[in-house]
Amino acid sequence: MRHAFSIDLEDWFHVLNLTSVIPQSSWEERESRVDGNVRRLLEILADHNTHATFFVLGWVAEKNPELIRAVADAGHEIASHGMMHQLVYTMTPDEFREEMIESKQLIEDVAGVQVKGYRASNFSITRGSLWALEILAELGFTYDTSIFPFERRRYGIAGTPPRPHLRRLSNGQEIIEIPPSVVDVAGRVMPVAGGGYFRLLPYSVTRWAIEKIEQEGRPFCFYLHPWEIDPEQPRVRGLDPVSKFLHYQNLKRSEPRLLRMLNDFEFGTYQEVTEVL
């Protein structure tokens, strides 16, 4: 079975866990490391003959259009991660619509391809912001991958089907939802989709989860950030212990684990998932 591989194409200082010490107003002053990290990921994917979906932050596309073109030229799918890494549920519908129009047009102009997919910052389409799906469909997006099928303080909707599915919206339109992967463990939902879960859990757990998801006949939907293969990124002071742990733990292990996973399983793009529904 071919699974779905994605990269949230953003820089290390865009991360929600760092906002207490890195406000948006300071982004321009920070050392950008996204170019080198993404180009390393492109090498890894090429070595494994794998195409992925890159959910591009509009801010990065505006600052580094050559990088986005390099990703597109390598045959990877280009999708949207919004413009400024804002949480959807902190915006009004009008604000969200404006952001999505801006980011979609910018990314399409830079990459020279049509953008069909979207992932919200921190998976922030929740029960209170489901209106965002209608706006996405109205703007021409065909799929979304922003709803985690379990609930945490900042994201997720418990009870969401764990496999890719078609959602019929109240405005009469439709959109495909591709949830980040979870597994059922003794009746409890366990997130295993990537990111911090990939770094913090042993690789044996990730491999077991992928095999279990395969047996259930659904694709494993994986995500990673470029900064997660970068153990040399700046260390910022003033972080609370939990945020420090979540951001910096196991950075040295990410790339070796990623290489193992790509050797063990076959991956493709999120767009490919939509084509077999």
C-alpha atoms as a PDB file:
ATOM      1  CA  MET A   1       0.000   0.000   0.000  1.00  0.00           C
ATOM      2  CA  ARG A   2       1.185   3.513  -0.804  1.00  0.00           C
ATOM      3  CA  HIS A   3       0.905   5.965   2.087  1.00  0.00           C
ATOM      4  CA  ALA A   4       0.815   9.788   2.115  1.00  0.00           C
ATOM      5  CA  PHE A   5       3.901  11.847   2.960  1.00  0.00           C
ATOM      6  CA  SER A   6       3.800  15.575   3.682  1.00  0.00           C
ATOM      7  CA  ILE A   7       6.028  18.422   4.791  1.00  0.00           C
ATOM      8  CA  ASP A   8       4.715  21.562   6.500  1.00  0.00           C
ATOM      9  CA  LEU A   9       7.048  23.994   4.758  1.00  0.00           C
ATOM     10  CA  GLU A  10       7.723  26.595   7.433  1.00  0.00           C
ATOM     11  CA  ASP A  11      10.772  27.838   9.331  1.00  0.00           C
ATOM     12  CA  TRP A  12      11.770  26.900  12.876  1.00  0.00           C
ATOM     13  CA  PHE A  13      10.617  30.220  14.367  1.00  0.00           C
ATOM     14  CA  HIS A  14       7.043  29.853  13.063  1.00  0.00           C
ATOM     15  CA  VAL A  15       6.222  27.124  15.575  1.00  0.00           C
ATOM     16  CA  LEU A  16       3.331  27.684  17.969  1.00  0.00           C
ATOM     17  CA  ASN A  17       5.301  26.372  20.950  1.00  0.00           C
ATOM     18  CA  LEU A  18       7.836  29.190  20.482  1.00  0.00           C
ATOM     19  CA  THR A  19       5.422  32.131  20.211  1.00  0.00           C
ATOM     20  CA  SER A  20       5.829  33.039  23.878  1.00  0.00           C
ATOM     21  CA  VAL A  21       9.441  34.060  23.164  1.00  0.00           C
ATOM     22  CA  ILE A  22       9.375  34.657  19.389  1.00  0.00           C
ATOM     23  CA  PRO A  23       6.596  37.072  18.406  1.00  0.00           C
ATOM     24  CA  GLN A  24       5.668  37.456  14.758  1.00  0.00           C
ATOM     25  CA  SER A  25       7.147  40.960  14.806  1.00  0.00           C
ATOM     26  CA  SER A  26      10.620  39.401  15.238  1.00  0.00           C
ATOM     27  CA  TRP A  27      10.478  36.895  12.354  1.00  0.00           C
ATOM     28  CA  GLU A  28      12.479  39.111  10.033  1.00  0.00           C
ATOM     29  CA  GLU A  29      15.339  39.202  12.562  1.00  0.00           C
ATOM     30  CA  ARG A  30      15.640  35.426  12.935  1.00  0.00           C
ATOM     31  CA  GLU A  31      18.142  33.161  11.224  1.00  0.00           C
ATOM     32  CA  SER A  32      16.268  31.393   8.436  1.00  0.00           C
ATOM     33  CA  ARG A  33      17.180  27.729   8.076  1.00  0.00           C
ATOM     34  CA  VAL A  34      14.288  26.546   5.943  1.00  0.00           C
ATOM     35  CA  ASP A  35      16.199  26.554   2.643  1.00  0.00           C
ATOM     36  CA  GLY A  36      18.919  24.142   3.739  1.00  0.00           C
ATOM     37  CA  ASN A  37      16.481  21.884   5.603  1.00  0.00           C
ATOM     38  CA  VAL A  38      14.053  21.635   2.691  1.00  0.00           C
ATOM     39  CA  ARG A  39      16.814  20.965   0.200  1.00  0.00           C
ATOM     40  CA  ARG A  40      18.058  18.150   2.429  1.00  0.00           C
ATOM     41  CA  LEU A  41      14.529  16.705   2.472  1.00  0.00           C
ATOM     42  CA  LEU A  42      14.424  16.937  -1.311  1.00  0.00           C
ATOM     43  CA  GLU A  43      17.641  14.900  -1.463  1.00  0.00           C
ATOM     44  CA  ILE A  44      16.212  12.275   0.878  1.00  0.00           C
ATOM     45  CA  LEU A  45      12.981  11.991  -1.098  1.00  0.00           C
ATOM     46  CA  ALA A  46      14.858  11.773  -4.398  1.00  0.00           C
ATOM     47  CA  ASP A  47      17.096   9.026  -3.024  1.00  0.00           C
ATOM     48  CA  HIS A  48      13.957   7.036  -2.154  1.00  0.00           C
ATOM     49  CA  ASN A  49      12.126   7.831  -5.401  1.00  0.00           C
ATOM     50  CA  THR A  50       9.324   9.397  -3.368  1.00  0.00           C
ATOM     51  CA  HIS A  51       7.083  12.346  -4.157  1.00  0.00           C
ATOM     52  CA  ALA A  52       5.489  14.222  -1.258  1.00  0.00           C
ATOM     53  CA  THR A  53       3.039  17.033  -0.608  1.00  0.00           C
ATOM     54  CA  PHE A  54       4.553  20.285   0.645  1.00  0.00           C
ATOM     55  CA  PHE A  55       2.091  22.469   2.551  1.00  0.00           C
ATOM     56  CA  VAL A  56       3.713  25.832   1.918  1.00  0.00           C
ATOM     57  CA  LEU A  57       3.440  28.785   4.279  1.00  0.00           C
ATOM     58  CA  GLY A  58       2.756  31.898   2.220  1.00  0.00           C
ATOM     59  CA  TRP A  59       5.269  33.908   4.257  1.00  0.00           C
ATOM     60  CA  VAL A  60       8.039  31.525   3.155  1.00  0.00           C
ATOM     61  CA  ALA A  61       6.895  31.550  -0.475  1.00  0.00           C
ATOM     62  CA  GLU A  62       7.073  35.329  -0.481  1.00  0.00           C
ATOM     63  CA  LYS A  63      10.563  35.411   1.078  1.00  0.00           C
ATOM     64  CA  ASN A  64      12.060  32.452  -0.793  1.00  0.00           C
ATOM     65  CA  PRO A  65      10.235  31.824  -4.091  1.00  0.00           C
ATOM     66  CA  GLU A  66      13.237  29.982  -5.566  1.00  0.00           C
ATOM     67  CA  LEU A  67      12.890  27.296  -2.905  1.00  0.00           C
ATOM     68  CA  ILE A  68       9.217  26.732  -3.663  1.00  0.00           C
ATOM     69  CA  ARG A  69       9.962  26.503  -7.380  1.00  0.00           C
ATOM     70  CA  ALA A  70      12.678  23.937  -6.629  1.00  0.00           C
ATOM     71  CA  VAL A  71      10.151  21.806  -4.734  1.00  0.00           C
ATOM     72  CA  ALA A  72       7.645  22.030  -7.589  1.00  0.00           C
ATOM     73  CA  ASP A  73      10.308  21.367 -10.223  1.00  0.00           C
ATOM     74  CA  ALA A  74      11.260  18.177  -8.376  1.00  0.00           C
ATOM     75  CA  GLY A  75       7.738  16.885  -9.013  1.00  0.00           C
ATOM     76  CA  HIS A  76       6.277  17.295  -5.539  1.00  0.00           C
ATOM     77  CA  GLU A  77       2.735  18.460  -4.885  1.00  0.00           C
ATOM     78  CA  ILE A  78       2.408  22.064  -3.709  1.00  0.00           C
ATOM     79  CA  ALA A  79      -0.410  22.826  -1.255  1.00  0.00           C
ATOM     80  CA  SER A  80      -1.222  25.654   1.165  1.00  0.00           C
ATOM     81  CA  HIS A  81      -0.378  26.075   4.834  1.00  0.00           C
ATOM     82  CA  GLY A  82      -1.980  29.507   4.979  1.00  0.00           C
ATOM     83  CA  MET A  83      -0.161  32.820   4.970  1.00  0.00           C
ATOM     84  CA  MET A  84       1.073  33.758   8.457  1.00  0.00           C
ATOM     85  CA  HIS A  85       0.711  30.543  10.503  1.00  0.00           C
ATOM     86  CA  GLN A  86      -2.343  31.839  12.351  1.00  0.00           C
ATOM     87  CA  LEU A  87      -4.726  29.511  14.154  1.00  0.00           C
ATOM     88  CA  VAL A  88      -7.975  29.286  12.185  1.00  0.00           C
ATOM     89  CA  TYR A  89     -10.168  29.583  15.278  1.00  0.00           C
ATOM     90  CA  THR A  90      -8.558  32.910  16.198  1.00  0.00           C
ATOM     91  CA  MET A  91      -9.716  34.449  12.896  1.00  0.00           C
ATOM     92  CA  THR A  92     -13.127  35.566  11.693  1.00  0.00           C
ATOM     93  CA  PRO A  93     -14.510  33.937   8.531  1.00  0.00           C
ATOM     94  CA  ASP A  94     -13.760  37.127   6.586  1.00  0.00           C
ATOM     95  CA  GLU A  95     -10.165  37.208   7.866  1.00  0.00           C
ATOM     96  CA  PHE A  96      -9.696  33.551   6.998  1.00  0.00           C
ATOM     97  CA  ARG A  97     -11.114  34.053   3.512  1.00  0.00           C
ATOM     98  CA  GLU A  98      -8.752  36.962   2.851  1.00  0.00           C
ATOM     99  CA  GLU A  99      -5.755  34.987   4.104  1.00  0.00           C
ATOM    100  CA  MET A 100      -6.606  31.991   1.952  1.00  0.00           C
ATOM    101  CA  ILE A 101      -7.146  34.073  -1.187  1.00  0.00           C
ATOM    102  CA  GLU A 102      -3.790  35.768  -0.635  1.00  0.00           C
ATOM    103  CA  SER A 103      -1.819  32.623   0.160  1.00  0.00           C
ATOM    104  CA  LYS A 104      -3.357  30.505  -2.619  1.00  0.00           C
ATOM    105  CA  GLN A 105      -2.672  33.139  -5.282  1.00  0.00           C
ATOM    106  CA  LEU A 106       0.853  33.794  -4.031  1.00  0.00           C
ATOM    107  CA  ILE A 107       1.825  30.127  -3.869  1.00  0.00           C
ATOM    108  CA  GLU A 108       0.317  29.382  -7.281  1.00  0.00           C
ATOM    109  CA  ASP A 109       2.117  32.341  -8.856  1.00  0.00           C
ATOM    110  CA  VAL A 110       5.442  31.314  -7.324  1.00  0.00           C
ATOM    111  CA  ALA A 111       5.189  27.570  -8.019  1.00  0.00           C
ATOM    112  CA  GLY A 112       3.360  27.748 -11.347  1.00  0.00           C
ATOM    113  CA  VAL A 113       0.896  25.025 -10.313  1.00  0.00           C
ATOM    114  CA  GLN A 114      -2.675  24.845  -9.064  1.00  0.00           C
ATOM    115  CA  VAL A 115      -3.094  24.511  -5.299  1.00  0.00           C
ATOM    116  CA  LYS A 116      -5.769  21.979  -4.334  1.00  0.00           C
ATOM    117  CA  GLY A 117      -4.927  21.060  -0.725  1.00  0.00           C
ATOM    118  CA  TYR A 118      -4.815  22.865   2.620  1.00  0.00           C
ATOM    119  CA  ARG A 119      -3.532  22.208   6.122  1.00  0.00           C
ATOM    120  CA  ALA A 120      -4.279  24.648   8.914  1.00  0.00           C
ATOM    121  CA  SER A 121      -1.615  25.800  11.322  1.00  0.00           C
ATOM    122  CA  ASN A 122      -1.587  23.403  14.279  1.00  0.00           C
ATOM    123  CA  PHE A 123      -4.566  21.515  12.794  1.00  0.00           C
ATOM    124  CA  SER A 124      -6.773  24.368  13.989  1.00  0.00           C
ATOM    125  CA  ILE A 125     -10.013  23.543  12.204  1.00  0.00           C
ATOM    126  CA  THR A 126     -12.042  22.490  15.249  1.00  0.00           C
ATOM    127  CA  ARG A 127     -15.753  22.225  16.060  1.00  0.00           C
ATOM    128  CA  GLY A 128     -15.877  26.010  16.411  1.00  0.00           C
ATOM    129  CA  SER A 129     -14.214  26.677  13.054  1.00  0.00           C
ATOM    130  CA  LEU A 130     -15.784  24.119  10.723  1.00  0.00           C
ATOM    131  CA  TRP A 131     -17.027  27.094   8.695  1.00  0.00           C
ATOM    132  CA  ALA A 132     -13.498  27.173   7.251  1.00  0.00           C
ATOM    133  CA  LEU A 133     -14.247  24.069   5.164  1.00  0.00           C
ATOM    134  CA  GLU A 134     -17.014  25.902   3.310  1.00  0.00           C
ATOM    135  CA  ILE A 135     -14.669  28.783   2.511  1.00  0.00           C
ATOM    136  CA  LEU A 136     -11.994  26.387   1.290  1.00  0.00           C
ATOM    137  CA  ALA A 137     -14.466  24.653  -1.027  1.00  0.00           C
ATOM    138  CA  GLU A 138     -15.720  27.999  -2.345  1.00  0.00           C
ATOM    139  CA  LEU A 139     -12.136  29.008  -3.161  1.00  0.00           C
ATOM    140  CA  GLY A 140     -11.479  25.860  -5.173  1.00  0.00           C
ATOM    141  CA  PHE A 141      -9.673  23.655  -2.656  1.00  0.00           C
ATOM    142  CA  THR A 142     -10.587  19.999  -3.202  1.00  0.00           C
ATOM    143  CA  TYR A 143      -9.194  18.557   0.042  1.00  0.00           C
ATOM    144  CA  ASP A 144      -8.295  19.521   3.587  1.00  0.00           C
ATOM    145  CA  THR A 145      -6.075  17.766   6.126  1.00  0.00           C
ATOM    146  CA  SER A 146      -6.614  19.896   9.237  1.00  0.00           C
ATOM    147  CA  ILE A 147      -8.885  17.784  11.464  1.00  0.00           C
ATOM    148  CA  PHE A 148      -7.185  15.397  13.881  1.00  0.00           C
ATOM    149  CA  PRO A 149      -9.629  12.574  14.822  1.00  0.00           C
ATOM    150  CA  PHE A 150      -9.082  13.048  18.551  1.00  0.00           C
ATOM    151  CA  GLU A 151      -9.217  16.085  20.821  1.00  0.00           C
ATOM    152  CA  ARG A 152      -6.455  17.981  22.562  1.00  0.00           C
ATOM    153  CA  ARG A 153      -6.524  21.417  24.129  1.00  0.00           C
ATOM    154  CA  ARG A 154      -5.608  23.179  20.898  1.00  0.00           C
ATOM    155  CA  TYR A 155      -6.891  20.935  18.131  1.00  0.00           C
ATOM    156  CA  GLY A 156      -8.876  17.919  17.040  1.00  0.00           C
ATOM    157  CA  ILE A 157     -12.485  16.722  16.774  1.00  0.00           C
ATOM    158  CA  ALA A 158     -13.244  13.437  18.527  1.00  0.00           C
ATOM    159  CA  GLY A 159     -15.358  11.101  16.449  1.00  0.00           C
ATOM    160  CA  THR A 160     -13.991  12.249  13.097  1.00  0.00           C
ATOM    161  CA  PRO A 161     -13.615   9.200  10.805  1.00  0.00           C
ATOM    162  CA  PRO A 162      -9.926   8.188  10.808  1.00  0.00           C
ATOM    163  CA  ARG A 163      -9.827   7.354   7.097  1.00  0.00           C
ATOM    164  CA  PRO A 164      -9.989   9.852   4.194  1.00  0.00           C
ATOM    165  CA  HIS A 165     -13.621  10.707   3.493  1.00  0.00           C
ATOM    166  CA  LEU A 166     -15.903  13.064   1.595  1.00  0.00           C
ATOM    167  CA  ARG A 167     -17.625  15.772   3.653  1.00  0.00           C
ATOM    168  CA  ARG A 168     -20.834  17.305   2.368  1.00  0.00           C
ATOM    169  CA  LEU A 169     -21.036  20.913   3.514  1.00  0.00           C
ATOM    170  CA  SER A 170     -24.016  23.016   4.463  1.00  0.00           C
ATOM    171  CA  ASN A 171     -23.409  25.340   1.498  1.00  0.00           C
ATOM    172  CA  GLY A 172     -24.089  22.442  -0.860  1.00  0.00           C
ATOM    173  CA  GLN A 173     -20.441  21.858  -1.768  1.00  0.00           C
ATOM    174  CA  GLU A 174     -18.110  18.998  -0.915  1.00  0.00           C
ATOM    175  CA  ILE A 175     -14.534  18.639   0.249  1.00  0.00           C
ATOM    176  CA  ILE A 176     -12.359  15.612   0.935  1.00  0.00           C
ATOM    177  CA  GLU A 177     -10.995  15.399   4.476  1.00  0.00           C
ATOM    178  CA  ILE A 178      -7.706  13.513   4.958  1.00  0.00           C
ATOM    179  CA  PRO A 179      -7.180  13.176   8.725  1.00  0.00           C
ATOM    180  CA  PRO A 180      -3.700  12.826  10.227  1.00  0.00           C
ATOM    181  CA  SER A 181      -3.298   9.208  11.246  1.00  0.00           C
ATOM    182  CA  VAL A 182      -4.378   7.715  14.551  1.00  0.00           C
ATOM    183  CA  VAL A 183      -4.712   4.139  15.802  1.00  0.00           C
ATOM    184  CA  ASP A 184      -7.093   2.532  18.265  1.00  0.00           C
ATOM    185  CA  VAL A 185      -5.328   1.094  21.315  1.00  0.00           C
ATOM    186  CA  ALA A 186      -7.656  -0.744  23.688  1.00  0.00           C
ATOM    187  CA  GLY A 187     -10.500   1.586  22.806  1.00  0.00           C
ATOM    188  CA  ARG A 188      -8.473   4.777  23.050  1.00  0.00           C
ATOM    189  CA  VAL A 189      -7.367   6.889  20.110  1.00  0.00           C
ATOM    190  CA  MET A 190      -3.586   7.321  19.820  1.00  0.00           C
ATOM    191  CA  PRO A 191      -2.052   9.923  17.448  1.00  0.00           C
ATOM    192  CA  VAL A 192       0.844   8.582  15.362  1.00  0.00           C
ATOM    193  CA  ALA A 193       0.819  10.837  12.287  1.00  0.00           C
ATOM    194  CA  GLY A 194       4.259  12.427  12.523  1.00  0.00           C
ATOM    195  CA  GLY A 195       5.749  15.658  13.841  1.00  0.00           C
ATOM    196  CA  GLY A 196       6.303  15.481  17.572  1.00  0.00           C
ATOM    197  CA  TYR A 197       4.689  12.048  17.746  1.00  0.00           C
ATOM    198  CA  PHE A 198       7.305  10.768  15.289  1.00  0.00           C
ATOM    199  CA  ARG A 199      10.185  12.337  17.227  1.00  0.00           C
ATOM    200  CA  LEU A 200       9.049  11.447  20.745  1.00  0.00           C
ATOM    201  CA  LEU A 201       7.749   7.910  20.204  1.00  0.00           C
ATOM    202  CA  PRO A 202      10.207   5.087  19.410  1.00  0.00           C
ATOM    203  CA  TYR A 203      10.362   4.187  15.717  1.00  0.00           C
ATOM    204  CA  SER A 204       9.089   0.721  16.617  1.00  0.00           C
ATOM    205  CA  VAL A 205       5.781   2.330  17.613  1.00  0.00           C
ATOM    206  CA  THR A 206       5.545   4.210  14.301  1.00  0.00           C
ATOM    207  CA  ARG A 207       6.264   1.032  12.341  1.00  0.00           C
ATOM    208  CA  TRP A 208       3.695  -0.946  14.331  1.00  0.00           C
ATOM    209  CA  ALA A 209       1.120   1.796  13.751  1.00  0.00           C
ATOM    210  CA  ILE A 210       1.733   1.897   9.993  1.00  0.00           C
ATOM    211  CA  GLU A 211       1.396  -1.875   9.754  1.00  0.00           C
ATOM    212  CA  LYS A 212      -1.840  -1.771  11.771  1.00  0.00           C
ATOM    213  CA  ILE A 213      -3.245   1.004   9.566  1.00  0.00           C
ATOM    214  CA  GLU A 214      -2.292  -1.007   6.464  1.00  0.00           C
ATOM    215  CA  GLN A 215      -4.216  -3.998   7.809  1.00  0.00           C
ATOM    216  CA  GLU A 216      -7.260  -1.751   8.230  1.00  0.00           C
ATOM    217  CA  GLY A 217      -7.038  -0.823   4.545  1.00  0.00           C
ATOM    218  CA  ARG A 218      -6.350   2.885   4.958  1.00  0.00           C
ATOM    219  CA  PRO A 219      -3.277   4.972   4.127  1.00  0.00           C
ATOM    220  CA  PHE A 220      -0.911   6.231   6.804  1.00  0.00           C
ATOM    221  CA  CYS A 221      -0.987  10.042   6.539  1.00  0.00           C
ATOM    222  CA  PHE A 222       2.350  11.426   7.704  1.00  0.00           C
ATOM    223  CA  TYR A 223       3.651  14.952   8.293  1.00  0.00           C
ATOM    224  CA  LEU A 224       6.996  16.475   9.274  1.00  0.00           C
ATOM    225  CA  HIS A 225       8.479  19.972   9.539  1.00  0.00           C
ATOM    226  CA  PRO A 226      11.839  20.902   7.957  1.00  0.00           C
ATOM    227  CA  TRP A 227      13.202  22.063  11.324  1.00  0.00           C
ATOM    228  CA  GLU A 228      12.638  18.573  12.755  1.00  0.00           C
ATOM    229  CA  ILE A 229      15.696  17.238  10.910  1.00  0.00           C
ATOM    230  CA  ASP A 230      17.837  20.185  12.057  1.00  0.00           C
ATOM    231  CA  PRO A 231      19.540  19.546  15.441  1.00  0.00           C
ATOM    232  CA  GLU A 232      21.773  22.601  14.897  1.00  0.00           C
ATOM    233  CA  GLN A 233      18.909  25.127  14.888  1.00  0.00           C
ATOM    234  CA  PRO A 234      19.106  28.009  17.411  1.00  0.00           C
ATOM    235  CA  ARG A 235      18.174  27.371  21.027  1.00  0.00           C
ATOM    236  CA  VAL A 236      16.022  30.163  22.408  1.00  0.00           C
ATOM    237  CA  ARG A 237      15.921  31.183  26.042  1.00  0.00           C
ATOM    238  CA  GLY A 238      12.870  31.705  28.191  1.00  0.00           C
ATOM    239  CA  LEU A 239      10.812  28.709  27.041  1.00  0.00           C
ATOM    240  CA  ASP A 240       8.789  26.826  29.608  1.00  0.00           C
ATOM    241  CA  PRO A 241      10.046  23.250  30.182  1.00  0.00           C
ATOM    242  CA  VAL A 242       7.179  21.584  28.296  1.00  0.00           C
ATOM    243  CA  SER A 243       7.553  23.736  25.173  1.00  0.00           C
ATOM    244  CA  LYS A 244      11.334  23.272  25.262  1.00  0.00           C
ATOM    245  CA  PHE A 245      10.928  19.504  25.439  1.00  0.00           C
ATOM    246  CA  LEU A 246       8.324  19.351  22.667  1.00  0.00           C
ATOM    247  CA  HIS A 247      10.400  21.424  20.266  1.00  0.00           C
ATOM    248  CA  TYR A 248      13.959  20.200  20.815  1.00  0.00           C
ATOM    249  CA  GLN A 249      13.650  16.589  21.986  1.00  0.00           C
ATOM    250  CA  ASN A 250      15.106  13.929  19.663  1.00  0.00           C
ATOM    251  CA  LEU A 251      15.997  16.271  16.793  1.00  0.00           C
ATOM    252  CA  LYS A 252      19.123  14.193  16.144  1.00  0.00           C
ATOM    253  CA  ARG A 253      17.021  11.065  15.734  1.00  0.00           C
ATOM    254  CA  SER A 254      14.526  12.432  13.218  1.00  0.00           C
ATOM    255  CA  GLU A 255      16.519  12.005  10.025  1.00  0.00           C
ATOM    256  CA  PRO A 256      17.716   8.455  10.774  1.00  0.00           C
ATOM    257  CA  ARG A 257      14.136   7.468  11.656  1.00  0.00           C
ATOM    258  CA  LEU A 258      12.864   9.110   8.496  1.00  0.00           C
ATOM    259  CA  LEU A 259      15.336   7.123   6.391  1.00  0.00           C
ATOM    260  CA  ARG A 260      14.209   3.893   8.063  1.00  0.00           C
ATOM    261  CA  MET A 261      10.549   4.668   7.439  1.00  0.00           C
ATOM    262  CA  LEU A 262      11.123   5.467   3.764  1.00  0.00           C
ATOM    263  CA  ASN A 263      13.040   2.196   3.400  1.00  0.00           C
ATOM    264  CA  ASP A 264      10.299   0.211   5.130  1.00  0.00           C
ATOM    265  CA  PHE A 265       7.211   1.669   3.431  1.00  0.00           C
ATOM    266  CA  GLU A 266       6.089   3.257   0.162  1.00  0.00           C
ATOM    267  CA  PHE A 267       4.823   6.847   0.148  1.00  0.00           C
ATOM    268  CA  GLY A 268       3.260   9.299  -2.285  1.00  0.00           C
ATOM    269  CA  THR A 269       1.329  12.557  -2.233  1.00  0.00           C
ATOM    270  CA  TYR A 270      -1.909  13.530  -0.540  1.00  0.00           C
ATOM    271  CA  GLN A 271      -3.400  14.260  -3.960  1.00  0.00           C
ATOM    272  CA  GLU A 272      -2.923  10.580  -4.801  1.00  0.00           C
ATOM    273  CA  VAL A 273      -5.051   9.694  -1.774  1.00  0.00           C
ATOM    274  CA  THR A 274      -7.942  11.757  -3.115  1.00  0.00           C
ATOM    275  CA  GLU A 275      -7.766  10.011  -6.479  1.00  0.00           C
ATOM    276  CA  VAL A 276      -8.545   6.549  -5.058  1.00  0.00           C
ATOM    277  CA  LEU A 277     -11.561   7.537  -2.934  1.00  0.00           C
END
